[in-house]
Amino acid sequence: MRETFSPQAANDMIWAAVGSPLGLIAGYLVIANLWAFGLMWFDKRRARRGGRRIRERTLFLSALLGGSLGAVLGMRAFRHKTQHWYFVWGMPLILLAQAALGVWAWVCW
């Protein structure tokens, strides 16, 4: 059976005060994915109405910073950026790499 992370108060005062970092990581990922999903929605809305658009590098950066699932779901939900091969292949590859990193972190730690 796998043991959960339990900080020792005598050795590490930060983890004793904060607790397990899993809650912080999960909260960050939820916010990052909502942000990426919202960026896809906002950019699609601007594409239809005209106006200043969000840079493609900003959309990729939001995915690289943890919002890849939100970006992929936003692409599918709003049918946005689905004609660009670098989005069609790049966003799912970023998601796959982040999922592999998460599995590796879970197994090794």
PDB file of N, CA and C in Angstrom:
ATOM      1  N   MET A   1       0.843  -1.179   0.000  1.00  0.00           N
ATOM      2  CA  MET A   1       0.000   0.000   0.000  1.00  0.00           C
ATOM      3  C   MET A   1       0.887   1.240   0.000  1.00  0.00           C
ATOM      4  N   ARG A   2       0.478   2.224  -0.717  1.00  0.00           N
ATOM      5  CA  ARG A   2       1.263   3.448  -0.876  1.00  0.00           C
ATOM      6  C   ARG A   2       1.000   4.394   0.294  1.00  0.00           C
ATOM      7  N   GLU A   3       2.076   4.915   0.861  1.00  0.00           N
ATOM      8  CA  GLU A   3       1.939   5.873   1.951  1.00  0.00           C
ATOM      9  C   GLU A   3       1.800   7.277   1.379  1.00  0.00           C
ATOM     10  N   THR A   4       1.019   8.084   2.028  1.00  0.00           N
ATOM     11  CA  THR A   4       0.877   9.470   1.599  1.00  0.00           C
ATOM     12  C   THR A   4       1.974  10.314   2.220  1.00  0.00           C
ATOM     13  N   PHE A   5       2.200  11.464   1.641  1.00  0.00           N
ATOM     14  CA  PHE A   5       3.232  12.377   2.122  1.00  0.00           C
ATOM     15  C   PHE A   5       2.803  12.978   3.450  1.00  0.00           C
ATOM     16  N   SER A   6       3.630  12.814   4.460  1.00  0.00           N
ATOM     17  CA  SER A   6       3.334  13.359   5.772  1.00  0.00           C
ATOM     18  C   SER A   6       4.582  14.075   6.289  1.00  0.00           C
ATOM     19  N   PRO A   7       4.554  15.390   6.366  1.00  0.00           N
ATOM     20  CA  PRO A   7       5.758  16.126   6.782  1.00  0.00           C
ATOM     21  C   PRO A   7       6.072  15.930   8.261  1.00  0.00           C
ATOM     22  N   GLN A   8       7.330  16.067   8.575  1.00  0.00           N
ATOM     23  CA  GLN A   8       7.782  15.976   9.953  1.00  0.00           C
ATOM     24  C   GLN A   8       7.979  17.397  10.463  1.00  0.00           C
ATOM     25  N   ALA A   9       7.298  17.746  11.545  1.00  0.00           N
ATOM     26  CA  ALA A   9       7.344  19.116  12.058  1.00  0.00           C
ATOM     27  C   ALA A   9       8.738  19.505  12.527  1.00  0.00           C
ATOM     28  N   ALA A  10       9.504  18.562  13.033  1.00  0.00           N
ATOM     29  CA  ALA A  10      10.826  18.895  13.553  1.00  0.00           C
ATOM     30  C   ALA A  10      11.812  19.208  12.434  1.00  0.00           C
ATOM     31  N   ASN A  11      11.620  18.630  11.247  1.00  0.00           N
ATOM     32  CA  ASN A  11      12.588  18.787  10.167  1.00  0.00           C
ATOM     33  C   ASN A  11      12.225  19.876   9.172  1.00  0.00           C
ATOM     34  N   ASP A  12      10.980  20.085   8.950  1.00  0.00           N
ATOM     35  CA  ASP A  12      10.592  20.999   7.887  1.00  0.00           C
ATOM     36  C   ASP A  12       9.405  21.836   8.338  1.00  0.00           C
ATOM     37  N   MET A  13       9.685  23.040   8.753  1.00  0.00           N
ATOM     38  CA  MET A  13       8.629  23.905   9.288  1.00  0.00           C
ATOM     39  C   MET A  13       7.649  24.371   8.223  1.00  0.00           C
ATOM     40  N   ILE A  14       8.110  24.485   6.973  1.00  0.00           N
ATOM     41  CA  ILE A  14       7.210  24.955   5.914  1.00  0.00           C
ATOM     42  C   ILE A  14       6.104  23.941   5.676  1.00  0.00           C
ATOM     43  N   TRP A  15       6.460  22.668   5.487  1.00  0.00           N
ATOM     44  CA  TRP A  15       5.428  21.651   5.232  1.00  0.00           C
ATOM     45  C   TRP A  15       4.565  21.432   6.456  1.00  0.00           C
ATOM     46  N   ALA A  16       5.123  21.651   7.618  1.00  0.00           N
ATOM     47  CA  ALA A  16       4.316  21.522   8.828  1.00  0.00           C
ATOM     48  C   ALA A  16       3.257  22.615   8.875  1.00  0.00           C
ATOM     49  N   ALA A  17       3.597  23.800   8.388  1.00  0.00           N
ATOM     50  CA  ALA A  17       2.642  24.911   8.390  1.00  0.00           C
ATOM     51  C   ALA A  17       1.640  24.795   7.252  1.00  0.00           C
ATOM     52  N   VAL A  18       2.104  24.377   6.089  1.00  0.00           N
ATOM     53  CA  VAL A  18       1.247  24.342   4.904  1.00  0.00           C
ATOM     54  C   VAL A  18       0.523  23.011   4.781  1.00  0.00           C
ATOM     55  N   GLY A  19       1.167  21.931   5.132  1.00  0.00           N
ATOM     56  CA  GLY A  19       0.614  20.607   4.913  1.00  0.00           C
ATOM     57  C   GLY A  19       1.147  20.032   3.620  1.00  0.00           C
ATOM     58  N   SER A  20       0.485  19.050   3.092  1.00  0.00           N
ATOM     59  CA  SER A  20       0.911  18.418   1.855  1.00  0.00           C
ATOM     60  C   SER A  20       0.810  19.399   0.689  1.00  0.00           C
ATOM     61  N   PRO A  21       1.786  19.380  -0.216  1.00  0.00           N
ATOM     62  CA  PRO A  21       1.739  20.297  -1.358  1.00  0.00           C
ATOM     63  C   PRO A  21       0.717  19.884  -2.423  1.00  0.00           C
ATOM     64  N   LEU A  22       0.106  18.726  -2.280  1.00  0.00           N
ATOM     65  CA  LEU A  22      -0.828  18.240  -3.300  1.00  0.00           C
ATOM     66  C   LEU A  22      -2.040  19.152  -3.451  1.00  0.00           C
ATOM     67  N   GLY A  23      -2.519  19.726  -2.382  1.00  0.00           N
ATOM     68  CA  GLY A  23      -3.653  20.641  -2.469  1.00  0.00           C
ATOM     69  C   GLY A  23      -3.302  21.917  -3.221  1.00  0.00           C
ATOM     70  N   LEU A  24      -2.106  22.424  -2.970  1.00  0.00           N
ATOM     71  CA  LEU A  24      -1.645  23.620  -3.683  1.00  0.00           C
ATOM     72  C   LEU A  24      -1.463  23.337  -5.171  1.00  0.00           C
ATOM     73  N   ILE A  25      -0.877  22.187  -5.482  1.00  0.00           N
ATOM     74  CA  ILE A  25      -0.663  21.820  -6.881  1.00  0.00           C
ATOM     75  C   ILE A  25      -1.999  21.634  -7.591  1.00  0.00           C
ATOM     76  N   ALA A  26      -2.930  20.947  -6.945  1.00  0.00           N
ATOM     77  CA  ALA A  26      -4.247  20.737  -7.552  1.00  0.00           C
ATOM     78  C   ALA A  26      -4.973  22.060  -7.764  1.00  0.00           C
ATOM     79  N   GLY A  27      -4.904  22.958  -6.800  1.00  0.00           N
ATOM     80  CA  GLY A  27      -5.534  24.265  -6.943  1.00  0.00           C
ATOM     81  C   GLY A  27      -4.935  25.063  -8.085  1.00  0.00           C
ATOM     82  N   TYR A  28      -3.605  25.023  -8.192  1.00  0.00           N
ATOM     83  CA  TYR A  28      -2.929  25.716  -9.286  1.00  0.00           C
ATOM     84  C   TYR A  28      -3.363  25.160 -10.635  1.00  0.00           C
ATOM     85  N   LEU A  29      -3.421  23.834 -10.747  1.00  0.00           N
ATOM     86  CA  LEU A  29      -3.802  23.224 -12.018  1.00  0.00           C
ATOM     87  C   LEU A  29      -5.243  23.542 -12.403  1.00  0.00           C
ATOM     88  N   VAL A  30      -6.122  23.599 -11.432  1.00  0.00           N
ATOM     89  CA  VAL A  30      -7.516  23.970 -11.729  1.00  0.00           C
ATOM     90  C   VAL A  30      -7.571  25.395 -12.269  1.00  0.00           C
ATOM     91  N   ILE A  31      -6.869  26.301 -11.621  1.00  0.00           N
ATOM     92  CA  ILE A  31      -6.868  27.699 -12.074  1.00  0.00           C
ATOM     93  C   ILE A  31      -6.219  27.831 -13.447  1.00  0.00           C
ATOM     94  N   ALA A  32      -5.100  27.146 -13.668  1.00  0.00           N
ATOM     95  CA  ALA A  32      -4.407  27.219 -14.963  1.00  0.00           C
ATOM     96  C   ALA A  32      -5.272  26.673 -16.091  1.00  0.00           C
ATOM     97  N   ASN A  33      -5.991  25.589 -15.836  1.00  0.00           N
ATOM     98  CA  ASN A  33      -6.843  25.000 -16.871  1.00  0.00           C
ATOM     99  C   ASN A  33      -8.069  25.859 -17.147  1.00  0.00           C
ATOM    100  N   LEU A  34      -8.644  26.433 -16.119  1.00  0.00           N
ATOM    101  CA  LEU A  34      -9.761  27.360 -16.342  1.00  0.00           C
ATOM    102  C   LEU A  34      -9.299  28.585 -17.118  1.00  0.00           C
ATOM    103  N   TRP A  35      -8.108  29.068 -16.810  1.00  0.00           N
ATOM    104  CA  TRP A  35      -7.552  30.222 -17.518  1.00  0.00           C
ATOM    105  C   TRP A  35      -7.342  29.898 -19.001  1.00  0.00           C
ATOM    106  N   ALA A  36      -6.739  28.738 -19.297  1.00  0.00           N
ATOM    107  CA  ALA A  36      -6.490  28.352 -20.693  1.00  0.00           C
ATOM    108  C   ALA A  36      -7.801  28.153 -21.445  1.00  0.00           C
ATOM    109  N   PHE A  37      -8.781  27.533 -20.800  1.00  0.00           N
ATOM    110  CA  PHE A  37     -10.093  27.349 -21.413  1.00  0.00           C
ATOM    111  C   PHE A  37     -10.735  28.703 -21.706  1.00  0.00           C
ATOM    112  N   GLY A  38     -10.634  29.622 -20.750  1.00  0.00           N
ATOM    113  CA  GLY A  38     -11.181  30.962 -20.932  1.00  0.00           C
ATOM    114  C   GLY A  38     -10.477  31.736 -22.034  1.00  0.00           C
ATOM    115  N   LEU A  39      -9.164  31.564 -22.153  1.00  0.00           N
ATOM    116  CA  LEU A  39      -8.435  32.224 -23.232  1.00  0.00           C
ATOM    117  C   LEU A  39      -8.902  31.733 -24.594  1.00  0.00           C
ATOM    118  N   MET A  40      -9.149  30.431 -24.717  1.00  0.00           N
ATOM    119  CA  MET A  40      -9.653  29.881 -25.987  1.00  0.00           C
ATOM    120  C   MET A  40     -11.022  30.473 -26.304  1.00  0.00           C
ATOM    121  N   TRP A  41     -11.878  30.564 -25.296  1.00  0.00           N
ATOM    122  CA  TRP A  41     -13.211  31.129 -25.504  1.00  0.00           C
ATOM    123  C   TRP A  41     -13.118  32.598 -25.914  1.00  0.00           C
ATOM    124  N   PHE A  42     -12.296  33.349 -25.206  1.00  0.00           N
ATOM    125  CA  PHE A  42     -12.162  34.773 -25.475  1.00  0.00           C
ATOM    126  C   PHE A  42     -11.592  35.021 -26.864  1.00  0.00           C
ATOM    127  N   ASP A  43     -10.583  34.231 -27.265  1.00  0.00           N
ATOM    128  CA  ASP A  43      -9.978  34.411 -28.578  1.00  0.00           C
ATOM    129  C   ASP A  43     -10.950  34.020 -29.686  1.00  0.00           C
ATOM    130  N   LYS A  44     -11.729  32.984 -29.467  1.00  0.00           N
ATOM    131  CA  LYS A  44     -12.736  32.604 -30.464  1.00  0.00           C
ATOM    132  C   LYS A  44     -13.789  33.698 -30.597  1.00  0.00           C
ATOM    133  N   ARG A  45     -14.181  34.252 -29.478  1.00  0.00           N
ATOM    134  CA  ARG A  45     -15.160  35.339 -29.502  1.00  0.00           C
ATOM    135  C   ARG A  45     -14.614  36.551 -30.258  1.00  0.00           C
ATOM    136  N   ARG A  46     -13.365  36.887 -30.022  1.00  0.00           N
ATOM    137  CA  ARG A  46     -12.740  37.997 -30.734  1.00  0.00           C
ATOM    138  C   ARG A  46     -12.570  37.692 -32.217  1.00  0.00           C
ATOM    139  N   ALA A  47     -12.328  36.427 -32.547  1.00  0.00           N
ATOM    140  CA  ALA A  47     -12.178  36.044 -33.955  1.00  0.00           C
ATOM    141  C   ALA A  47     -13.492  36.245 -34.710  1.00  0.00           C
ATOM    142  N   ARG A  48     -14.600  35.960 -34.060  1.00  0.00           N
ATOM    143  CA  ARG A  48     -15.909  36.130 -34.704  1.00  0.00           C
ATOM    144  C   ARG A  48     -16.295  37.596 -34.826  1.00  0.00           C
ATOM    145  N   ARG A  49     -16.092  38.355 -33.788  1.00  0.00           N
ATOM    146  CA  ARG A  49     -16.546  39.748 -33.746  1.00  0.00           C
ATOM    147  C   ARG A  49     -15.533  40.730 -34.316  1.00  0.00           C
ATOM    148  N   GLY A  50     -14.315  40.310 -34.440  1.00  0.00           N
ATOM    149  CA  GLY A  50     -13.263  41.237 -34.845  1.00  0.00           C
ATOM    150  C   GLY A  50     -12.684  41.909 -33.622  1.00  0.00           C
ATOM    151  N   GLY A  51     -11.522  42.405 -33.751  1.00  0.00           N
ATOM    152  CA  GLY A  51     -10.882  43.060 -32.616  1.00  0.00           C
ATOM    153  C   GLY A  51      -9.532  42.445 -32.343  1.00  0.00           C
ATOM    154  N   ARG A  52      -8.927  42.913 -31.295  1.00  0.00           N
ATOM    155  CA  ARG A  52      -7.590  42.450 -30.957  1.00  0.00           C
ATOM    156  C   ARG A  52      -7.628  41.019 -30.449  1.00  0.00           C
ATOM    157  N   ARG A  53      -6.800  40.171 -31.051  1.00  0.00           N
ATOM    158  CA  ARG A  53      -6.770  38.750 -30.727  1.00  0.00           C
ATOM    159  C   ARG A  53      -5.668  38.433 -29.724  1.00  0.00           C
ATOM    160  N   ILE A  54      -5.748  37.269 -29.156  1.00  0.00           N
ATOM    161  CA  ILE A  54      -4.720  36.776 -28.243  1.00  0.00           C
ATOM    162  C   ILE A  54      -3.633  36.106 -29.087  1.00  0.00           C
ATOM    163  N   ARG A  55      -2.386  36.382 -28.768  1.00  0.00           N
ATOM    164  CA  ARG A  55      -1.282  35.785 -29.521  1.00  0.00           C
ATOM    165  C   ARG A  55      -1.277  34.271 -29.361  1.00  0.00           C
ATOM    166  N   GLU A  56      -0.854  33.595 -30.421  1.00  0.00           N
ATOM    167  CA  GLU A  56      -0.773  32.136 -30.366  1.00  0.00           C
ATOM    168  C   GLU A  56       0.246  31.680 -29.340  1.00  0.00           C
ATOM    169  N   ARG A  57       1.312  32.431 -29.187  1.00  0.00           N
ATOM    170  CA  ARG A  57       2.314  32.037 -28.187  1.00  0.00           C
ATOM    171  C   ARG A  57       1.753  32.149 -26.768  1.00  0.00           C
ATOM    172  N   THR A  58       0.811  33.067 -26.551  1.00  0.00           N
ATOM    173  CA  THR A  58       0.165  33.172 -25.244  1.00  0.00           C
ATOM    174  C   THR A  58      -0.702  31.955 -24.979  1.00  0.00           C
ATOM    175  N   LEU A  59      -1.397  31.480 -26.013  1.00  0.00           N
ATOM    176  CA  LEU A  59      -2.216  30.274 -25.863  1.00  0.00           C
ATOM    177  C   LEU A  59      -1.337  29.064 -25.556  1.00  0.00           C
ATOM    178  N   PHE A  60      -0.208  28.955 -26.256  1.00  0.00           N
ATOM    179  CA  PHE A  60       0.717  27.852 -25.976  1.00  0.00           C
ATOM    180  C   PHE A  60       1.347  27.990 -24.593  1.00  0.00           C
ATOM    181  N   LEU A  61       1.671  29.201 -24.196  1.00  0.00           N
ATOM    182  CA  LEU A  61       2.265  29.409 -22.879  1.00  0.00           C
ATOM    183  C   LEU A  61       1.288  29.017 -21.769  1.00  0.00           C
ATOM    184  N   SER A  62       0.015  29.334 -21.958  1.00  0.00           N
ATOM    185  CA  SER A  62      -0.972  28.939 -20.952  1.00  0.00           C
ATOM    186  C   SER A  62      -1.059  27.417 -20.848  1.00  0.00           C
ATOM    187  N   ALA A  63      -0.889  26.732 -21.973  1.00  0.00           N
ATOM    188  CA  ALA A  63      -0.877  25.265 -21.945  1.00  0.00           C
ATOM    189  C   ALA A  63       0.395  24.737 -21.281  1.00  0.00           C
ATOM    190  N   LEU A  64       1.525  25.335 -21.609  1.00  0.00           N
ATOM    191  CA  LEU A  64       2.797  24.885 -21.030  1.00  0.00           C
ATOM    192  C   LEU A  64       2.870  25.113 -19.527  1.00  0.00           C
ATOM    193  N   LEU A  65       2.166  26.120 -19.040  1.00  0.00           N
ATOM    194  CA  LEU A  65       2.193  26.416 -17.604  1.00  0.00           C
ATOM    195  C   LEU A  65       1.172  25.597 -16.810  1.00  0.00           C
ATOM    196  N   GLY A  66       0.649  24.548 -17.415  1.00  0.00           N
ATOM    197  CA  GLY A  66      -0.228  23.640 -16.688  1.00  0.00           C
ATOM    198  C   GLY A  66      -1.664  23.609 -17.179  1.00  0.00           C
ATOM    199  N   GLY A  67      -2.020  24.423 -18.150  1.00  0.00           N
ATOM    200  CA  GLY A  67      -3.396  24.491 -18.616  1.00  0.00           C
ATOM    201  C   GLY A  67      -3.651  23.734 -19.900  1.00  0.00           C
ATOM    202  N   SER A  68      -2.890  22.683 -20.150  1.00  0.00           N
ATOM    203  CA  SER A  68      -3.026  21.977 -21.425  1.00  0.00           C
ATOM    204  C   SER A  68      -4.378  21.282 -21.564  1.00  0.00           C
ATOM    205  N   LEU A  69      -4.902  20.728 -20.505  1.00  0.00           N
ATOM    206  CA  LEU A  69      -6.216  20.085 -20.592  1.00  0.00           C
ATOM    207  C   LEU A  69      -7.292  21.112 -20.902  1.00  0.00           C
ATOM    208  N   GLY A  70      -7.253  22.257 -20.256  1.00  0.00           N
ATOM    209  CA  GLY A  70      -8.210  23.317 -20.532  1.00  0.00           C
ATOM    210  C   GLY A  70      -8.085  23.836 -21.955  1.00  0.00           C
ATOM    211  N   ALA A  71      -6.852  23.929 -22.455  1.00  0.00           N
ATOM    212  CA  ALA A  71      -6.639  24.403 -23.825  1.00  0.00           C
ATOM    213  C   ALA A  71      -7.188  23.406 -24.835  1.00  0.00           C
ATOM    214  N   VAL A  72      -6.939  22.122 -24.615  1.00  0.00           N
ATOM    215  CA  VAL A  72      -7.447  21.095 -25.538  1.00  0.00           C
ATOM    216  C   VAL A  72      -8.968  21.057 -25.496  1.00  0.00           C
ATOM    217  N   LEU A  73      -9.538  21.112 -24.301  1.00  0.00           N
ATOM    218  CA  LEU A  73     -11.000  21.116 -24.203  1.00  0.00           C
ATOM    219  C   LEU A  73     -11.592  22.379 -24.811  1.00  0.00           C
ATOM    220  N   GLY A  74     -10.920  23.509 -24.660  1.00  0.00           N
ATOM    221  CA  GLY A  74     -11.376  24.749 -25.278  1.00  0.00           C
ATOM    222  C   GLY A  74     -11.318  24.686 -26.794  1.00  0.00           C
ATOM    223  N   MET A  75     -10.265  24.077 -27.316  1.00  0.00           N
ATOM    224  CA  MET A  75     -10.169  23.904 -28.766  1.00  0.00           C
ATOM    225  C   MET A  75     -11.335  23.084 -29.290  1.00  0.00           C
ATOM    226  N   ARG A  76     -11.645  22.018 -28.586  1.00  0.00           N
ATOM    227  CA  ARG A  76     -12.731  21.124 -29.032  1.00  0.00           C
ATOM    228  C   ARG A  76     -14.100  21.767 -28.828  1.00  0.00           C
ATOM    229  N   ALA A  77     -14.310  22.385 -27.687  1.00  0.00           N
ATOM    230  CA  ALA A  77     -15.626  22.949 -27.370  1.00  0.00           C
ATOM    231  C   ALA A  77     -15.990  24.105 -28.292  1.00  0.00           C
ATOM    232  N   PHE A  78     -15.013  24.951 -28.600  1.00  0.00           N
ATOM    233  CA  PHE A  78     -15.292  26.139 -29.399  1.00  0.00           C
ATOM    234  C   PHE A  78     -14.863  25.993 -30.851  1.00  0.00           C
ATOM    235  N   ARG A  79     -14.337  24.828 -31.209  1.00  0.00           N
ATOM    236  CA  ARG A  79     -13.798  24.581 -32.548  1.00  0.00           C
ATOM    237  C   ARG A  79     -12.853  25.711 -32.952  1.00  0.00           C
ATOM    238  N   HIS A  80     -11.909  25.969 -32.074  1.00  0.00           N
ATOM    239  CA  HIS A  80     -10.983  27.086 -32.251  1.00  0.00           C
ATOM    240  C   HIS A  80      -9.570  26.571 -32.481  1.00  0.00           C
ATOM    241  N   LYS A  81      -8.915  27.110 -33.472  1.00  0.00           N
ATOM    242  CA  LYS A  81      -7.540  26.768 -33.843  1.00  0.00           C
ATOM    243  C   LYS A  81      -7.412  25.327 -34.316  1.00  0.00           C
ATOM    244  N   THR A  82      -8.476  24.746 -34.810  1.00  0.00           N
ATOM    245  CA  THR A  82      -8.434  23.356 -35.259  1.00  0.00           C
ATOM    246  C   THR A  82      -7.937  23.216 -36.692  1.00  0.00           C
ATOM    247  N   GLN A  83      -7.710  24.313 -37.373  1.00  0.00           N
ATOM    248  CA  GLN A  83      -7.164  24.266 -38.730  1.00  0.00           C
ATOM    249  C   GLN A  83      -5.639  24.407 -38.742  1.00  0.00           C
ATOM    250  N   HIS A  84      -5.061  24.723 -37.602  1.00  0.00           N
ATOM    251  CA  HIS A  84      -3.610  24.896 -37.508  1.00  0.00           C
ATOM    252  C   HIS A  84      -2.990  23.604 -36.987  1.00  0.00           C
ATOM    253  N   TRP A  85      -2.116  22.991 -37.799  1.00  0.00           N
ATOM    254  CA  TRP A  85      -1.546  21.703 -37.429  1.00  0.00           C
ATOM    255  C   TRP A  85      -0.760  21.788 -36.130  1.00  0.00           C
ATOM    256  N   TYR A  86      -0.115  22.921 -35.864  1.00  0.00           N
ATOM    257  CA  TYR A  86       0.692  23.028 -34.654  1.00  0.00           C
ATOM    258  C   TYR A  86      -0.170  23.101 -33.404  1.00  0.00           C
ATOM    259  N   PHE A  87      -1.428  23.492 -33.531  1.00  0.00           N
ATOM    260  CA  PHE A  87      -2.348  23.420 -32.396  1.00  0.00           C
ATOM    261  C   PHE A  87      -2.953  22.023 -32.296  1.00  0.00           C
ATOM    262  N   VAL A  88      -3.336  21.457 -33.432  1.00  0.00           N
ATOM    263  CA  VAL A  88      -3.965  20.132 -33.435  1.00  0.00           C
ATOM    264  C   VAL A  88      -3.020  19.083 -32.869  1.00  0.00           C
ATOM    265  N   TRP A  89      -1.728  19.181 -33.173  1.00  0.00           N
ATOM    266  CA  TRP A  89      -0.752  18.225 -32.658  1.00  0.00           C
ATOM    267  C   TRP A  89      -0.043  18.727 -31.409  1.00  0.00           C
ATOM    268  N   GLY A  90       0.199  20.020 -31.332  1.00  0.00           N
ATOM    269  CA  GLY A  90       0.992  20.554 -30.231  1.00  0.00           C
ATOM    270  C   GLY A  90       0.304  20.506 -28.886  1.00  0.00           C
ATOM    271  N   MET A  91      -0.951  20.931 -28.827  1.00  0.00           N
ATOM    272  CA  MET A  91      -1.664  20.951 -27.539  1.00  0.00           C
ATOM    273  C   MET A  91      -1.832  19.547 -26.944  1.00  0.00           C
ATOM    274  N   PRO A  92      -2.277  18.548 -27.742  1.00  0.00           N
ATOM    275  CA  PRO A  92      -2.351  17.205 -27.150  1.00  0.00           C
ATOM    276  C   PRO A  92      -0.989  16.636 -26.754  1.00  0.00           C
ATOM    277  N   LEU A  93       0.062  16.996 -27.492  1.00  0.00           N
ATOM    278  CA  LEU A  93       1.399  16.528 -27.106  1.00  0.00           C
ATOM    279  C   LEU A  93       1.853  17.155 -25.792  1.00  0.00           C
ATOM    280  N   ILE A  94       1.538  18.413 -25.604  1.00  0.00           N
ATOM    281  CA  ILE A  94       1.859  19.062 -24.329  1.00  0.00           C
ATOM    282  C   ILE A  94       1.086  18.374 -23.200  1.00  0.00           C
ATOM    283  N   LEU A  95      -0.196  18.083 -23.449  1.00  0.00           N
ATOM    284  CA  LEU A  95      -1.010  17.390 -22.448  1.00  0.00           C
ATOM    285  C   LEU A  95      -0.432  16.022 -22.124  1.00  0.00           C
ATOM    286  N   LEU A  96      -0.025  15.286 -23.150  1.00  0.00           N
ATOM    287  CA  LEU A  96       0.577  13.965 -22.937  1.00  0.00           C
ATOM    288  C   LEU A  96       1.871  14.069 -22.140  1.00  0.00           C
ATOM    289  N   ALA A  97       2.710  15.033 -22.473  1.00  0.00           N
ATOM    290  CA  ALA A  97       3.972  15.210 -21.747  1.00  0.00           C
ATOM    291  C   ALA A  97       3.722  15.572 -20.285  1.00  0.00           C
ATOM    292  N   GLN A  98       2.733  16.431 -20.037  1.00  0.00           N
ATOM    293  CA  GLN A  98       2.431  16.801 -18.660  1.00  0.00           C
ATOM    294  C   GLN A  98       1.821  15.640 -17.888  1.00  0.00           C
ATOM    295  N   ALA A  99       1.008  14.846 -18.553  1.00  0.00           N
ATOM    296  CA  ALA A  99       0.444  13.662 -17.884  1.00  0.00           C
ATOM    297  C   ALA A  99       1.552  12.666 -17.546  1.00  0.00           C
ATOM    298  N   ALA A 100       2.498  12.473 -18.474  1.00  0.00           N
ATOM    299  CA  ALA A 100       3.623  11.567 -18.216  1.00  0.00           C
ATOM    300  C   ALA A 100       4.481  12.093 -17.068  1.00  0.00           C
ATOM    301  N   LEU A 101       4.695  13.393 -17.034  1.00  0.00           N
ATOM    302  CA  LEU A 101       5.450  13.995 -15.932  1.00  0.00           C
ATOM    303  C   LEU A 101       4.723  13.801 -14.603  1.00  0.00           C
ATOM    304  N   GLY A 102       3.415  13.945 -14.603  1.00  0.00           N
ATOM    305  CA  GLY A 102       2.631  13.732 -13.392  1.00  0.00           C
ATOM    306  C   GLY A 102       2.691  12.288 -12.909  1.00  0.00           C
ATOM    307  N   VAL A 103       2.600  11.343 -13.831  1.00  0.00           N
ATOM    308  CA  VAL A 103       2.705   9.924 -13.466  1.00  0.00           C
ATOM    309  C   VAL A 103       4.095   9.626 -12.923  1.00  0.00           C
ATOM    310  N   TRP A 104       5.117  10.163 -13.582  1.00  0.00           N
ATOM    311  CA  TRP A 104       6.482   9.948 -13.109  1.00  0.00           C
ATOM    312  C   TRP A 104       6.674  10.512 -11.709  1.00  0.00           C
ATOM    313  N   ALA A 105       6.167  11.715 -11.478  1.00  0.00           N
ATOM    314  CA  ALA A 105       6.292  12.333 -10.162  1.00  0.00           C
ATOM    315  C   ALA A 105       5.561  11.524  -9.097  1.00  0.00           C
ATOM    316  N   TRP A 106       4.390  11.008  -9.446  1.00  0.00           N
ATOM    317  CA  TRP A 106       3.613  10.220  -8.494  1.00  0.00           C
ATOM    318  C   TRP A 106       4.336   8.919  -8.128  1.00  0.00           C
ATOM    319  N   VAL A 107       4.924   8.272  -9.123  1.00  0.00           N
ATOM    320  CA  VAL A 107       5.600   6.996  -8.895  1.00  0.00           C
ATOM    321  C   VAL A 107       6.917   7.200  -8.153  1.00  0.00           C
ATOM    322  N   CYS A 108       7.669   8.207  -8.534  1.00  0.00           N
ATOM    323  CA  CYS A 108       9.006   8.400  -7.933  1.00  0.00           C
ATOM    324  C   CYS A 108       8.955   9.033  -6.554  1.00  0.00           C
ATOM    325  N   TRP A 109       7.932   9.809  -6.269  1.00  0.00           N
ATOM    326  CA  TRP A 109       7.870  10.442  -4.953  1.00  0.00           C
ATOM    327  C   TRP A 109       6.876   9.741  -4.158  1.00  0.00           C
TER     328      TRP A 109
END
